[in-house]
Amino acid sequence: MANGQEIAENSLSRKKMGIRLLYTIMYLIIFEILKTLIQVTVLFQYVYLLITQNYSHPLRNFSNKMATYAYKIIRYTTLNDNIRPFPFQEFPEGMEKPVDHVTYD
C-alpha cells in the first residue's frame, strides 16, 4: 500500500512541477516584454534629460517599480521564491527608494 501512495505523491509532485514550469515559461515571456519596456524607458529618460536637463520623476518611479518586478520574476523563475509575481499578486512597489541626486560621472 505504501508503494501506491508513493506513486500517487510522485505523480502529484510531477504535476505541480509541470504547472510551475508553465508559469515559469509565462513569466519568461513577460520578462522579455519587460526588458524591452525598460530599454524604451531608459532611452526616453535620456532623451528627456538631454532636452530639459532634468530627469522625469514619474518615469524614475515607474522604472524603479519595473526593476523590482523584474527582480521578483527572476526570483520566481530561478526557484528562489514561491510567491508568483504580478498578476497573481499586487504590482510591487520599488524595493529601494531612488537616490535623491543623480550624478553623471
N, C-alpha and C. Protein backbone atom coordinates (compact mmCIF):
# COMPACT_ATOMS: atom_id res chain seq x y z
N MET A 1 0.82 -1.20 0.00
CA MET A 1 0.00 0.00 0.00
C MET A 1 0.86 1.26 0.00
N ALA A 2 1.97 1.22 0.72
CA ALA A 2 2.85 2.39 0.79
C ALA A 2 3.41 2.71 -0.59
N ASN A 3 3.68 1.69 -1.38
CA ASN A 3 4.21 1.90 -2.72
C ASN A 3 3.21 2.66 -3.59
N GLY A 4 1.93 2.33 -3.48
CA GLY A 4 0.88 3.03 -4.22
C GLY A 4 0.79 4.48 -3.82
N GLN A 5 0.97 4.75 -2.52
CA GLN A 5 0.91 6.12 -2.03
C GLN A 5 2.10 6.92 -2.55
N GLU A 6 3.28 6.28 -2.61
CA GLU A 6 4.47 6.95 -3.14
C GLU A 6 4.26 7.33 -4.60
N ILE A 7 3.67 6.42 -5.38
CA ILE A 7 3.43 6.70 -6.80
C ILE A 7 2.46 7.86 -6.95
N ALA A 8 1.40 7.87 -6.14
CA ALA A 8 0.41 8.96 -6.20
C ALA A 8 1.05 10.29 -5.84
N GLU A 9 1.88 10.30 -4.78
CA GLU A 9 2.56 11.54 -4.38
C GLU A 9 3.54 12.00 -5.44
N ASN A 10 4.25 11.03 -6.06
CA ASN A 10 5.22 11.36 -7.10
C ASN A 10 4.51 11.95 -8.32
N SER A 11 3.36 11.39 -8.69
CA SER A 11 2.58 11.91 -9.82
C SER A 11 2.08 13.31 -9.51
N LEU A 12 1.60 13.51 -8.28
CA LEU A 12 1.12 14.83 -7.87
C LEU A 12 2.27 15.83 -7.91
N SER A 13 3.43 15.40 -7.44
CA SER A 13 4.60 16.27 -7.43
C SER A 13 5.00 16.63 -8.85
N ARG A 14 5.01 15.68 -9.76
CA ARG A 14 5.35 15.95 -11.16
C ARG A 14 4.31 16.88 -11.79
N LYS A 15 3.05 16.71 -11.43
CA LYS A 15 2.00 17.59 -11.95
C LYS A 15 2.24 19.02 -11.47
N LYS A 16 2.57 19.17 -10.19
CA LYS A 16 2.84 20.50 -9.65
C LYS A 16 4.08 21.11 -10.30
N MET A 17 5.11 20.27 -10.56
CA MET A 17 6.31 20.77 -11.23
C MET A 17 5.97 21.24 -12.65
N GLY A 18 5.12 20.47 -13.34
CA GLY A 18 4.71 20.85 -14.69
C GLY A 18 3.95 22.16 -14.70
N ILE A 19 3.07 22.34 -13.72
CA ILE A 19 2.31 23.59 -13.62
C ILE A 19 3.26 24.76 -13.34
N ARG A 20 4.20 24.53 -12.43
CA ARG A 20 5.17 25.59 -12.14
C ARG A 20 6.00 25.92 -13.38
N LEU A 21 6.34 24.89 -14.15
CA LEU A 21 7.08 25.12 -15.38
C LEU A 21 6.28 25.98 -16.35
N LEU A 22 4.99 25.73 -16.46
CA LEU A 22 4.15 26.55 -17.34
C LEU A 22 4.11 28.01 -16.86
N TYR A 23 3.99 28.21 -15.54
CA TYR A 23 4.04 29.58 -15.01
C TYR A 23 5.40 30.21 -15.31
N THR A 24 6.46 29.43 -15.18
CA THR A 24 7.80 29.94 -15.43
C THR A 24 7.94 30.38 -16.88
N ILE A 25 7.44 29.59 -17.81
CA ILE A 25 7.50 29.96 -19.22
C ILE A 25 6.72 31.26 -19.45
N MET A 26 5.55 31.36 -18.83
CA MET A 26 4.76 32.58 -18.96
C MET A 26 5.54 33.79 -18.44
N TYR A 27 6.18 33.63 -17.26
CA TYR A 27 6.94 34.74 -16.69
C TYR A 27 8.18 35.07 -17.50
N LEU A 28 8.78 34.08 -18.15
CA LEU A 28 9.93 34.38 -19.00
C LEU A 28 9.51 35.22 -20.21
N ILE A 29 8.33 34.95 -20.74
CA ILE A 29 7.80 35.77 -21.83
C ILE A 29 7.53 37.19 -21.33
N ILE A 30 6.89 37.30 -20.15
CA ILE A 30 6.64 38.61 -19.55
C ILE A 30 7.96 39.34 -19.31
N PHE A 31 8.98 38.61 -18.87
CA PHE A 31 10.28 39.21 -18.60
C PHE A 31 10.89 39.80 -19.87
N GLU A 32 10.75 39.10 -21.00
CA GLU A 32 11.28 39.62 -22.26
C GLU A 32 10.56 40.91 -22.65
N ILE A 33 9.26 40.96 -22.48
CA ILE A 33 8.49 42.18 -22.75
C ILE A 33 8.93 43.29 -21.80
N LEU A 34 9.13 42.93 -20.55
CA LEU A 34 9.56 43.88 -19.52
C LEU A 34 10.94 44.45 -19.86
N LYS A 35 11.85 43.61 -20.34
CA LYS A 35 13.18 44.09 -20.74
C LYS A 35 13.06 45.16 -21.82
N THR A 36 12.23 44.90 -22.80
CA THR A 36 12.04 45.87 -23.88
C THR A 36 11.45 47.17 -23.33
N LEU A 37 10.46 47.05 -22.47
CA LEU A 37 9.84 48.22 -21.87
C LEU A 37 10.85 49.03 -21.06
N ILE A 38 11.70 48.36 -20.32
CA ILE A 38 12.73 49.06 -19.54
C ILE A 38 13.72 49.76 -20.48
N GLN A 39 14.09 49.11 -21.57
CA GLN A 39 15.01 49.73 -22.53
C GLN A 39 14.39 51.00 -23.13
N VAL A 40 13.12 50.94 -23.45
CA VAL A 40 12.42 52.11 -24.01
C VAL A 40 12.38 53.23 -22.97
N THR A 41 12.08 52.90 -21.71
CA THR A 41 12.02 53.94 -20.68
C THR A 41 13.39 54.56 -20.44
N VAL A 42 14.44 53.76 -20.51
CA VAL A 42 15.80 54.30 -20.34
C VAL A 42 16.11 55.28 -21.46
N LEU A 43 15.84 54.88 -22.69
CA LEU A 43 16.11 55.78 -23.82
C LEU A 43 15.28 57.05 -23.73
N PHE A 44 13.99 56.90 -23.39
CA PHE A 44 13.14 58.07 -23.25
C PHE A 44 13.64 58.99 -22.14
N GLN A 45 14.08 58.40 -21.02
CA GLN A 45 14.58 59.20 -19.90
C GLN A 45 15.79 60.03 -20.33
N TYR A 46 16.70 59.43 -21.11
CA TYR A 46 17.88 60.16 -21.55
C TYR A 46 17.54 61.24 -22.58
N VAL A 47 16.61 60.96 -23.47
CA VAL A 47 16.17 61.98 -24.42
C VAL A 47 15.55 63.15 -23.65
N TYR A 48 14.69 62.83 -22.70
CA TYR A 48 14.06 63.85 -21.86
C TYR A 48 15.12 64.64 -21.10
N LEU A 49 16.11 63.94 -20.57
CA LEU A 49 17.19 64.58 -19.81
C LEU A 49 18.00 65.51 -20.70
N LEU A 50 18.31 65.08 -21.90
CA LEU A 50 19.09 65.92 -22.81
C LEU A 50 18.32 67.18 -23.23
N ILE A 51 17.02 67.05 -23.39
CA ILE A 51 16.20 68.19 -23.82
C ILE A 51 15.94 69.16 -22.67
N THR A 52 15.54 68.64 -21.53
CA THR A 52 15.13 69.51 -20.41
C THR A 52 16.23 69.73 -19.38
N GLN A 53 17.29 68.96 -19.45
CA GLN A 53 18.38 68.96 -18.47
C GLN A 53 17.89 68.62 -17.07
N ASN A 54 16.82 67.85 -17.01
CA ASN A 54 16.29 67.35 -15.75
C ASN A 54 15.60 66.02 -16.05
N TYR A 55 15.65 65.10 -15.11
CA TYR A 55 15.02 63.80 -15.35
C TYR A 55 13.55 63.84 -14.97
N SER A 56 12.82 62.87 -15.47
CA SER A 56 11.39 62.77 -15.20
C SER A 56 11.18 61.95 -13.92
N HIS A 57 10.64 62.60 -12.89
CA HIS A 57 10.39 61.91 -11.62
C HIS A 57 9.38 60.76 -11.78
N PRO A 58 8.26 60.97 -12.48
CA PRO A 58 7.32 59.85 -12.63
C PRO A 58 7.94 58.67 -13.38
N LEU A 59 8.77 58.96 -14.36
CA LEU A 59 9.42 57.87 -15.10
C LEU A 59 10.44 57.14 -14.23
N ARG A 60 11.14 57.86 -13.38
CA ARG A 60 12.07 57.21 -12.44
C ARG A 60 11.31 56.29 -11.50
N ASN A 61 10.17 56.75 -10.98
CA ASN A 61 9.38 55.90 -10.08
C ASN A 61 8.85 54.68 -10.81
N PHE A 62 8.37 54.88 -12.04
CA PHE A 62 7.86 53.78 -12.84
C PHE A 62 8.96 52.75 -13.12
N SER A 63 10.13 53.22 -13.53
CA SER A 63 11.21 52.29 -13.85
C SER A 63 11.74 51.60 -12.59
N ASN A 64 11.65 52.26 -11.45
CA ASN A 64 12.04 51.62 -10.19
C ASN A 64 11.10 50.46 -9.88
N LYS A 65 9.80 50.65 -10.11
CA LYS A 65 8.83 49.57 -9.90
C LYS A 65 9.05 48.44 -10.89
N MET A 66 9.39 48.79 -12.14
CA MET A 66 9.65 47.77 -13.15
C MET A 66 10.88 46.94 -12.78
N ALA A 67 11.90 47.60 -12.25
CA ALA A 67 13.10 46.87 -11.83
C ALA A 67 12.77 45.90 -10.70
N THR A 68 11.93 46.32 -9.77
CA THR A 68 11.51 45.45 -8.68
C THR A 68 10.71 44.27 -9.22
N TYR A 69 9.82 44.54 -10.17
CA TYR A 69 9.02 43.48 -10.77
C TYR A 69 9.91 42.48 -11.50
N ALA A 70 10.90 42.98 -12.25
CA ALA A 70 11.84 42.09 -12.95
C ALA A 70 12.59 41.22 -11.94
N TYR A 71 13.01 41.82 -10.84
CA TYR A 71 13.71 41.08 -9.78
C TYR A 71 12.82 39.96 -9.23
N LYS A 72 11.56 40.26 -8.99
CA LYS A 72 10.64 39.26 -8.45
C LYS A 72 10.40 38.13 -9.46
N ILE A 73 10.33 38.47 -10.73
CA ILE A 73 10.18 37.45 -11.76
C ILE A 73 11.41 36.54 -11.79
N ILE A 74 12.58 37.13 -11.73
CA ILE A 74 13.81 36.34 -11.74
C ILE A 74 13.86 35.42 -10.53
N ARG A 75 13.49 35.92 -9.37
CA ARG A 75 13.49 35.07 -8.16
C ARG A 75 12.55 33.89 -8.32
N TYR A 76 11.36 34.14 -8.89
CA TYR A 76 10.38 33.06 -9.05
C TYR A 76 10.85 32.05 -10.09
N THR A 77 11.33 32.53 -11.24
CA THR A 77 11.70 31.61 -12.32
C THR A 77 12.95 30.80 -12.00
N THR A 78 13.81 31.32 -11.14
CA THR A 78 15.02 30.59 -10.76
C THR A 78 14.82 29.73 -9.52
N LEU A 79 13.57 29.56 -9.13
CA LEU A 79 13.18 28.72 -7.98
C LEU A 79 13.74 29.24 -6.66
N ASN A 80 13.91 30.55 -6.56
CA ASN A 80 14.37 31.16 -5.31
C ASN A 80 13.24 31.79 -4.53
N ASP A 81 12.02 31.73 -5.05
CA ASP A 81 10.85 32.26 -4.36
C ASP A 81 9.63 31.47 -4.82
N ASN A 82 8.70 31.27 -3.92
CA ASN A 82 7.49 30.52 -4.25
C ASN A 82 6.29 31.41 -4.52
N ILE A 83 6.43 32.69 -4.31
CA ILE A 83 5.32 33.62 -4.49
C ILE A 83 5.29 34.07 -5.94
N ARG A 84 4.17 33.80 -6.62
CA ARG A 84 4.03 34.23 -8.01
C ARG A 84 3.89 35.75 -8.05
N PRO A 85 4.69 36.40 -8.90
CA PRO A 85 4.58 37.86 -9.02
C PRO A 85 3.28 38.28 -9.70
N PHE A 86 3.13 39.58 -9.90
CA PHE A 86 2.01 40.16 -10.61
C PHE A 86 1.82 39.39 -11.92
N PRO A 87 0.68 39.01 -12.32
CA PRO A 87 -0.66 39.45 -11.98
C PRO A 87 -1.34 38.64 -10.88
N PHE A 88 -0.61 37.73 -10.24
CA PHE A 88 -1.19 36.93 -9.17
C PHE A 88 -1.05 37.59 -7.81
N GLN A 89 -0.22 38.60 -7.73
CA GLN A 89 -0.04 39.42 -6.53
C GLN A 89 -0.20 40.87 -6.96
N GLU A 90 -0.19 41.75 -5.99
CA GLU A 90 -0.22 43.19 -6.30
C GLU A 90 1.07 43.56 -7.04
N PHE A 91 0.97 44.57 -7.91
CA PHE A 91 2.17 45.05 -8.59
C PHE A 91 3.11 45.61 -7.53
N PRO A 92 4.39 45.25 -7.57
CA PRO A 92 5.29 45.64 -6.48
C PRO A 92 5.62 47.13 -6.47
N GLU A 93 5.80 47.63 -5.29
CA GLU A 93 6.37 48.96 -5.12
C GLU A 93 7.88 48.82 -5.27
N GLY A 94 8.58 49.91 -5.44
CA GLY A 94 10.03 49.84 -5.54
C GLY A 94 10.64 49.31 -4.25
N MET A 95 11.64 48.45 -4.39
CA MET A 95 12.30 47.90 -3.20
C MET A 95 13.14 48.96 -2.49
N GLU A 96 13.81 49.75 -3.30
CA GLU A 96 14.68 50.79 -2.75
C GLU A 96 14.21 52.13 -3.29
N LYS A 97 14.32 53.13 -2.47
CA LYS A 97 13.96 54.49 -2.89
C LYS A 97 15.03 54.99 -3.87
N PRO A 98 14.62 55.66 -4.95
CA PRO A 98 15.62 56.23 -5.85
C PRO A 98 16.50 57.24 -5.11
N VAL A 99 17.72 57.38 -5.58
CA VAL A 99 18.63 58.34 -4.96
C VAL A 99 18.06 59.74 -5.12
N ASP A 100 18.40 60.62 -4.17
CA ASP A 100 17.89 62.00 -4.22
C ASP A 100 18.54 62.81 -5.33
N HIS A 101 19.81 62.58 -5.54
CA HIS A 101 20.54 63.37 -6.52
C HIS A 101 21.26 62.41 -7.46
N VAL A 102 21.04 62.57 -8.75
CA VAL A 102 21.69 61.74 -9.76
C VAL A 102 22.95 62.44 -10.23
N THR A 103 24.06 61.69 -10.26
CA THR A 103 25.32 62.25 -10.79
C THR A 103 25.60 61.62 -12.13
N TYR A 104 26.43 62.29 -12.93
CA TYR A 104 26.71 61.82 -14.28
C TYR A 104 28.21 61.62 -14.45
N ASP A 105 28.83 61.03 -13.47
CA ASP A 105 30.29 60.79 -13.51
C ASP A 105 30.62 59.62 -14.41
